[in-house]
């Protein structure tokens, strides 16, 4: 049996994939901070990704609802960020302060998910072998 077949490890792995995809989108936002008319983007919420995975994927009721979104990881799509702090005169909505906060939150959450994954592996090893 693979570790990824167990629900805990599968969930932790999916969370780490989602966080990696979010970090990639944040890096793209920072790289385009001076690009005129560039709109800040973010990934779909992790809860939405999990709901989509539980129901077998995203359901589209109208072809225009998800138009323009591109996938960066399984089940994760990019959307325009509606919670941007500001818009510059040239139409750019990337606020470097906001992107720095998001990048820090994402890094901390990734570190936590990796620690939980490692601890789960240690507990499984302890249960199977009795040796620490």
Protein backbone atom coordinates (compact mmCIF):
# COMPACT_ATOMS: atom_id res chain seq x y z
CA UNK A 1 0.00 0.00 0.00
CA UNK A 2 1.29 3.42 -0.93
CA UNK A 3 1.23 6.30 1.54
CA UNK A 4 -0.69 8.40 -0.99
CA UNK A 5 -3.54 5.87 -0.85
CA UNK A 6 -4.19 6.72 2.81
CA UNK A 7 -6.60 9.62 3.26
CA UNK A 8 -4.36 11.62 5.64
CA UNK A 9 -1.36 11.49 3.33
CA UNK A 10 -3.48 12.09 0.25
CA UNK A 11 -5.01 15.21 1.82
CA UNK A 12 -1.62 16.50 2.98
CA UNK A 13 -0.18 15.90 -0.48
CA UNK A 14 -3.07 17.69 -2.18
CA UNK A 15 -2.68 20.61 0.22
CA UNK A 16 1.02 20.85 -0.60
CA UNK A 17 0.24 20.76 -4.35
CA UNK A 18 -2.33 23.54 -3.92
CA UNK A 19 0.13 25.64 -1.90
CA UNK A 20 2.82 25.13 -4.55
CA UNK A 21 0.40 26.26 -7.26
CA UNK A 22 -0.54 29.32 -5.19
CA UNK A 23 3.12 30.22 -4.70
CA UNK A 24 3.62 29.99 -8.48
CA UNK A 25 0.73 32.40 -9.12
CA UNK A 26 2.03 34.83 -6.47
CA UNK A 27 5.45 34.79 -8.18
CA UNK A 28 3.78 35.59 -11.51
CA UNK A 29 1.94 38.49 -9.87
CA UNK A 30 5.18 39.91 -8.45
CA UNK A 31 6.94 39.48 -11.80
CA UNK A 32 4.16 41.48 -13.47
CA UNK A 33 3.90 44.20 -10.82
CA UNK A 34 4.93 46.87 -13.36
CA UNK A 35 2.98 45.52 -16.34
CA UNK A 36 0.23 47.93 -17.42
CA UNK A 37 -3.34 46.57 -17.11
CA UNK A 38 -2.13 43.34 -15.44
CA UNK A 39 -4.76 42.03 -13.04
CA UNK A 40 -3.61 40.34 -9.86
CA UNK A 41 -4.54 36.65 -9.81
CA UNK A 42 -4.99 33.93 -7.21
CA UNK A 43 -5.93 30.26 -7.21
CA UNK A 44 -9.29 28.79 -6.29
CA UNK A 45 -9.79 28.16 -2.58
CA UNK A 46 -8.53 24.83 -1.28
CA UNK A 47 -12.00 23.99 0.05
CA UNK A 48 -13.40 24.45 -3.47
CA UNK A 49 -10.71 22.17 -4.87
CA UNK A 50 -11.61 19.50 -2.29
CA UNK A 51 -15.32 19.84 -3.04
CA UNK A 52 -14.56 19.44 -6.74
CA UNK A 53 -12.43 16.36 -6.08
CA UNK A 54 -15.17 14.83 -3.92
CA UNK A 55 -17.81 15.32 -6.61
CA UNK A 56 -15.62 14.13 -9.46
CA UNK A 57 -14.56 17.55 -10.76
CA UNK A 58 -15.93 21.01 -11.31
CA UNK A 59 -19.43 21.23 -12.68
CA UNK A 60 -20.04 23.88 -15.33
CA UNK A 61 -23.57 25.20 -15.65
CA UNK A 62 -22.68 27.87 -18.16
CA UNK A 63 -19.60 27.91 -20.39
CA UNK A 64 -18.93 31.55 -19.45
CA UNK A 65 -18.65 30.83 -15.71
CA UNK A 66 -15.13 29.43 -15.76
CA UNK A 67 -13.89 31.03 -18.96
CA UNK A 68 -10.27 32.08 -19.10
CA UNK A 69 -9.09 30.11 -16.08
CA UNK A 70 -6.02 27.99 -16.57
CA UNK A 71 -5.01 25.08 -14.41
CA UNK A 72 -1.64 25.03 -12.65
CA UNK A 73 -2.23 21.77 -10.74
CA UNK A 74 -4.89 19.09 -10.65
CA UNK A 75 -8.20 20.69 -9.74
CA UNK A 76 -6.64 24.14 -9.17
CA UNK A 77 -7.57 26.99 -11.45
CA UNK A 78 -6.40 30.57 -11.63
CA UNK A 79 -8.88 33.41 -11.27
CA UNK A 80 -8.66 37.16 -11.01
CA UNK A 81 -8.16 38.25 -7.40
CA UNK A 82 -11.19 40.24 -6.25
CA UNK A 83 -9.56 41.25 -2.96
CA UNK A 84 -6.78 43.46 -4.28
CA UNK A 85 -5.74 46.42 -2.16
CA UNK A 86 -5.43 48.97 -4.92
CA UNK A 87 -5.20 49.70 -8.61
CA UNK A 88 -2.47 51.87 -10.07
CA UNK A 89 -3.06 54.55 -12.69
CA UNK A 90 -1.94 52.20 -15.46
CA UNK A 91 -4.60 49.61 -14.47
CA UNK A 92 -2.28 47.20 -12.65
CA UNK A 93 -3.87 45.66 -9.52
CA UNK A 94 -0.76 43.99 -8.03
CA UNK A 95 0.08 45.34 -4.56
CA UNK A 96 3.51 44.07 -3.56
CA UNK A 97 2.65 44.32 0.15
CA UNK A 98 -0.37 42.06 -0.35
CA UNK A 99 1.64 39.58 -2.41
CA UNK A 100 4.34 39.48 0.28
CA UNK A 101 1.72 38.67 2.93
CA UNK A 102 0.23 35.92 0.72
CA UNK A 103 3.68 34.46 -0.02
CA UNK A 104 4.53 34.34 3.69
CA UNK A 105 1.20 32.72 4.59
CA UNK A 106 1.65 30.18 1.81
CA UNK A 107 5.20 29.31 2.91
CA UNK A 108 4.10 28.84 6.53
CA UNK A 109 1.16 26.67 5.51
CA UNK A 110 3.42 24.58 3.28
CA UNK A 111 5.87 24.10 6.14
CA UNK A 112 3.01 23.00 8.41
CA UNK A 113 1.64 20.54 5.84
CA UNK A 114 5.13 19.06 5.33
CA UNK A 115 5.60 18.68 9.10
CA UNK A 116 2.21 16.97 9.43
CA UNK A 117 3.09 14.62 6.57
CA UNK A 118 6.41 13.76 8.22
CA UNK A 119 4.82 13.23 11.65
CA UNK A 120 2.17 10.99 10.11
CA UNK A 121 4.92 8.92 8.51
CA UNK A 122 6.76 8.69 11.86
CA UNK A 123 3.57 7.55 13.63
CA UNK A 124 2.91 4.94 10.96
CA UNK A 125 6.49 3.68 11.24
CA UNK A 126 6.20 3.53 15.03
CA UNK A 127 2.92 1.60 14.80
CA UNK A 128 4.34 -0.88 12.30
CA UNK A 129 7.76 -1.45 13.84
CA UNK A 130 7.49 -0.29 17.44
CA UNK A 131 10.84 1.46 16.98
CA UNK A 132 11.25 5.22 17.07
